[in-house]
């Protein structure tokens, strides 16, 4: 799964790196090291053949949700193996796919003392990665609410030491396909399959990341353990 991530690169730098225009709603962007579900997150969509960055609620609300249930259970992850069939996700998977940039993500494993140990997973060279997402628009009584979910897949050999699931990481070549409304379904399924990522590394994170009230660079400062996919 993917329940926390960090994105703290400057917005203008992100726009240049990932080739998107800064939309009006992206004004709400701010660097964060401990992003949790129900937060507003930066999302890249393809609009009229141009990439646009905007802020959406992390926790997908399907367009048909009833008012009394819309915010009860945030669906912040969607399993890539079933996303095309599940009623909650299938419309978004078919026509509303997006990219969610991140400097890295957190995952928890059980240590020898049975306490959950947090790990910070990122690119070795600190590059920004993009995660596969889907989004939706729900019409609330107060206006439209745009929301998103991150797709997950089976872990690769690095992540398997920590957890049996991981977010779908989309590289530059797959990103073009992922955002293409006319993309073949088989190609989209292929994009979600687990892959080895030699550029990934994992290091112990500060246990303070467990509280959503904590935020800052100190959460990802190097701890004792470090391992890579190489």
Protein backbone atom coordinates (compact mmCIF):
# COMPACT_ATOMS: atom_id res chain seq x y z
CA UNK A 1 0.00 0.00 0.00
CA UNK A 2 1.01 3.66 0.03
CA UNK A 3 -0.34 5.65 2.95
CA UNK A 4 2.27 8.41 3.29
CA UNK A 5 4.65 10.20 0.95
CA UNK A 6 6.66 13.37 0.72
CA UNK A 7 6.87 16.10 -1.92
CA UNK A 8 8.99 19.11 -1.12
CA UNK A 9 10.55 20.22 -4.41
CA UNK A 10 9.69 23.80 -5.39
CA UNK A 11 6.54 23.98 -7.55
CA UNK A 12 8.16 25.87 -10.42
CA UNK A 13 11.00 23.34 -10.48
CA UNK A 14 8.51 20.49 -10.54
CA UNK A 15 6.68 22.09 -13.46
CA UNK A 16 9.92 22.35 -15.42
CA UNK A 17 11.08 18.83 -14.55
CA UNK A 18 7.79 17.13 -15.35
CA UNK A 19 6.58 19.40 -18.13
CA UNK A 20 3.28 20.63 -16.77
CA UNK A 21 1.52 23.97 -16.55
CA UNK A 22 0.66 25.26 -13.11
CA UNK A 23 -3.13 25.36 -12.84
CA UNK A 24 -5.09 27.83 -10.75
CA UNK A 25 -5.72 25.35 -7.94
CA UNK A 26 -2.01 24.57 -7.65
CA UNK A 27 -1.67 27.80 -5.64
CA UNK A 28 -2.37 25.67 -2.58
CA UNK A 29 0.82 23.67 -3.02
CA UNK A 30 3.38 23.74 -0.23
CA UNK A 31 6.40 21.51 0.44
CA UNK A 32 5.54 18.65 2.79
CA UNK A 33 7.47 15.68 4.17
CA UNK A 34 4.55 13.74 5.67
CA UNK A 35 1.56 13.77 3.35
CA UNK A 36 -1.34 11.64 4.57
CA UNK A 37 -4.71 10.62 3.10
CA UNK A 38 -7.40 13.34 2.99
CA UNK A 39 -4.67 15.95 2.36
CA UNK A 40 -4.68 17.99 -0.83
CA UNK A 41 -1.93 16.70 -3.12
CA UNK A 42 -0.38 17.83 -6.38
CA UNK A 43 -1.78 15.89 -9.34
CA UNK A 44 -0.78 16.04 -13.01
CA UNK A 45 -3.49 15.46 -15.61
CA UNK A 46 -3.62 15.68 -19.39
CA UNK A 47 -6.04 18.42 -20.41
CA UNK A 48 -6.52 19.25 -24.10
CA UNK A 49 -3.14 17.64 -24.92
CA UNK A 50 -1.29 19.63 -22.28
CA UNK A 51 -0.19 18.60 -18.84
CA UNK A 52 -1.67 20.59 -15.98
CA UNK A 53 -0.78 20.46 -12.30
CA UNK A 54 -3.54 21.02 -9.74
CA UNK A 55 -4.41 20.12 -6.16
CA UNK A 56 -6.84 17.29 -5.37
CA UNK A 57 -8.03 15.55 -2.23
CA UNK A 58 -6.12 12.31 -1.61
CA UNK A 59 -8.91 9.80 -1.08
CA UNK A 60 -11.04 9.09 -4.12
CA UNK A 61 -14.76 9.89 -4.01
CA UNK A 62 -16.59 8.25 -6.95
CA UNK A 63 -18.90 10.53 -8.90
CA UNK A 64 -21.95 8.53 -7.78
CA UNK A 65 -21.21 8.69 -4.03
CA UNK A 66 -24.05 9.71 -1.73
CA UNK A 67 -23.60 12.78 0.44
CA UNK A 68 -23.72 10.83 3.72
CA UNK A 69 -21.00 8.38 2.62
CA UNK A 70 -18.66 10.57 0.56
CA UNK A 71 -16.08 11.29 3.26
CA UNK A 72 -16.52 8.29 5.56
CA UNK A 73 -13.83 6.01 4.16
CA UNK A 74 -11.09 7.65 2.06
CA UNK A 75 -10.06 5.29 -0.76
CA UNK A 76 -6.49 6.50 -1.02
CA UNK A 77 -5.15 3.34 -2.72
CA UNK A 78 -6.48 1.20 -5.57
CA UNK A 79 -5.08 -2.24 -6.36
CA UNK A 80 -3.84 -2.23 -9.95
CA UNK A 81 -4.86 -5.86 -10.42
CA UNK A 82 -8.57 -5.05 -9.94
CA UNK A 83 -8.83 -1.32 -10.68
CA UNK A 84 -10.33 -1.89 -14.14
CA UNK A 85 -13.21 -3.98 -12.74
CA UNK A 86 -14.12 -2.46 -9.37
CA UNK A 87 -17.16 -0.15 -9.71
CA UNK A 88 -15.56 2.46 -7.46
CA UNK A 89 -12.53 2.82 -9.73
CA UNK A 90 -13.33 1.56 -13.23
CA UNK A 91 -14.64 4.85 -14.66
CA UNK A 92 -11.60 6.74 -13.44
CA UNK A 93 -9.22 4.06 -14.70
CA UNK A 94 -10.85 4.20 -18.11
CA UNK A 95 -10.72 7.96 -18.64
CA UNK A 96 -9.29 9.88 -15.67
CA UNK A 97 -5.73 8.77 -15.03
CA UNK A 98 -3.12 11.04 -13.50
CA UNK A 99 0.44 11.24 -12.19
CA UNK A 100 1.23 12.09 -8.58
CA UNK A 101 4.79 13.39 -8.10
CA UNK A 102 6.76 12.47 -5.00
CA UNK A 103 10.27 12.82 -3.64
CA UNK A 104 9.70 9.47 -1.96
CA UNK A 105 7.20 7.45 0.04
CA UNK A 106 6.99 5.78 3.45
CA UNK A 107 6.22 2.22 4.35
CA UNK A 108 6.18 0.37 7.65
CA UNK A 109 7.60 -3.06 8.42
CA UNK A 110 7.56 -5.17 11.57
CA UNK A 111 10.87 -5.21 13.44
CA UNK A 112 12.20 -7.89 15.77
CA UNK A 113 10.37 -6.26 18.66
CA UNK A 114 7.09 -6.40 16.70
CA UNK A 115 7.02 -2.63 16.53
CA UNK A 116 6.28 -1.10 13.17
CA UNK A 117 9.42 0.40 11.69
CA UNK A 118 9.04 3.29 9.17
CA UNK A 119 11.12 3.36 5.99
CA UNK A 120 11.70 6.19 3.54
CA UNK A 121 11.95 4.92 -0.05
CA UNK A 122 13.31 7.23 -2.71
CA UNK A 123 15.50 7.43 -5.81
CA UNK A 124 19.22 7.08 -5.06
CA UNK A 125 19.96 10.29 -6.98
CA UNK A 126 17.05 12.12 -5.26
CA UNK A 127 15.15 12.56 -8.51
CA UNK A 128 11.41 13.22 -8.36
CA UNK A 129 9.39 10.10 -9.12
CA UNK A 130 5.81 9.93 -10.40
CA UNK A 131 3.19 7.54 -9.08
CA UNK A 132 0.27 6.21 -11.10
CA UNK A 133 -3.04 7.64 -9.99
CA UNK A 134 -6.69 7.93 -10.92
CA UNK A 135 -9.04 10.80 -10.17
CA UNK A 136 -12.70 11.69 -10.04
CA UNK A 137 -15.06 14.64 -9.69
CA UNK A 138 -17.86 14.45 -7.15
CA UNK A 139 -20.58 17.11 -7.15
CA UNK A 140 -21.15 18.12 -3.54
CA UNK A 141 -23.85 20.58 -2.41
CA UNK A 142 -21.07 23.18 -2.16
CA UNK A 143 -19.56 22.51 -5.57
CA UNK A 144 -17.30 19.98 -7.31
CA UNK A 145 -14.70 18.04 -5.30
CA UNK A 146 -11.76 16.60 -7.22
CA UNK A 147 -10.13 13.61 -5.56
CA UNK A 148 -7.55 10.96 -6.39
CA UNK A 149 -6.11 7.58 -5.42
CA UNK A 150 -2.65 6.05 -5.87
CA UNK A 151 -2.42 2.66 -7.58
CA UNK A 152 -0.47 -0.12 -5.90
CA UNK A 153 1.13 -3.31 -7.18
CA UNK A 154 3.11 -6.26 -5.84
CA UNK A 155 6.47 -5.37 -4.32
CA UNK A 156 9.76 -5.70 -6.18
CA UNK A 157 12.82 -7.29 -4.58
CA UNK A 158 13.76 -4.15 -2.63
CA UNK A 159 10.29 -3.44 -1.28
CA UNK A 160 9.66 -7.09 -0.54
CA UNK A 161 12.02 -6.77 2.45
CA UNK A 162 9.60 -4.21 3.88
CA UNK A 163 6.07 -4.86 2.59
CA UNK A 164 4.26 -6.97 0.01
CA UNK A 165 2.77 -3.95 -1.78
CA UNK A 166 4.17 -0.73 -3.23
CA UNK A 167 2.89 2.21 -5.29
CA UNK A 168 3.03 1.91 -9.08
CA UNK A 169 6.02 4.00 -10.17
CA UNK A 170 5.69 5.39 -13.70
CA UNK A 171 8.84 6.35 -15.59
CA UNK A 172 8.98 8.88 -18.43
CA UNK A 173 8.14 6.38 -21.20
CA UNK A 174 5.16 4.91 -19.38
CA UNK A 175 3.95 8.35 -18.29
CA UNK A 176 3.03 9.26 -21.85
CA UNK A 177 0.92 6.12 -22.14
CA UNK A 178 -0.63 6.52 -18.70
CA UNK A 179 -1.95 10.01 -19.46
CA UNK A 180 -3.14 9.13 -22.97
CA UNK A 181 -6.96 8.90 -23.08
CA UNK A 182 -6.73 6.60 -26.09
CA UNK A 183 -4.22 4.22 -24.53
CA UNK A 184 -4.86 0.51 -25.01
CA UNK A 185 -6.14 -1.21 -21.88
CA UNK A 186 -3.51 -3.95 -22.15
CA UNK A 187 -0.78 -1.30 -22.22
CA UNK A 188 -2.22 0.32 -19.09
CA UNK A 189 -2.28 -3.03 -17.29
CA UNK A 190 1.33 -3.60 -18.35
CA UNK A 191 2.31 -0.20 -16.94
CA UNK A 192 1.06 -1.31 -13.52
CA UNK A 193 3.05 -4.53 -13.28
CA UNK A 194 5.78 -4.71 -10.61
CA UNK A 195 9.27 -3.85 -11.85
CA UNK A 196 12.75 -3.71 -10.45
CA UNK A 197 13.90 -0.13 -9.93
CA UNK A 198 17.73 -0.06 -9.63
CA UNK A 199 17.56 3.62 -8.72
CA UNK A 200 15.59 2.94 -5.51
CA UNK A 201 16.92 2.92 -1.98
CA UNK A 202 15.31 2.46 1.44
CA UNK A 203 16.45 3.88 4.75
CA UNK A 204 14.99 3.94 8.22
CA UNK A 205 12.84 7.01 8.79
CA UNK A 206 12.22 8.94 11.97
CA UNK A 207 9.44 7.19 13.96
CA UNK A 208 7.85 10.62 14.41
CA UNK A 209 6.46 10.22 10.88
CA UNK A 210 3.80 8.01 12.45
CA UNK A 211 1.92 11.10 13.58
CA UNK A 212 0.35 13.27 10.90
CA UNK A 213 1.00 16.28 13.13
CA UNK A 214 4.73 15.99 12.46
CA UNK A 215 6.23 17.40 9.30
CA UNK A 216 9.69 18.52 8.24
CA UNK A 217 13.02 17.35 6.77
CA UNK A 218 14.01 15.70 10.05
CA UNK A 219 11.56 12.87 9.27
CA UNK A 220 13.76 11.60 6.42
CA UNK A 221 17.22 12.33 7.78
CA UNK A 222 19.45 9.24 7.42
CA UNK A 223 19.04 6.66 10.17
CA UNK A 224 21.21 3.60 10.74
CA UNK A 225 20.10 1.21 7.98
CA UNK A 226 20.31 1.73 4.24
CA UNK A 227 19.82 -0.73 1.41
CA UNK A 228 19.39 -0.37 -2.34
CA UNK A 229 18.19 -2.41 -5.26
CA UNK A 230 21.72 -2.78 -6.65
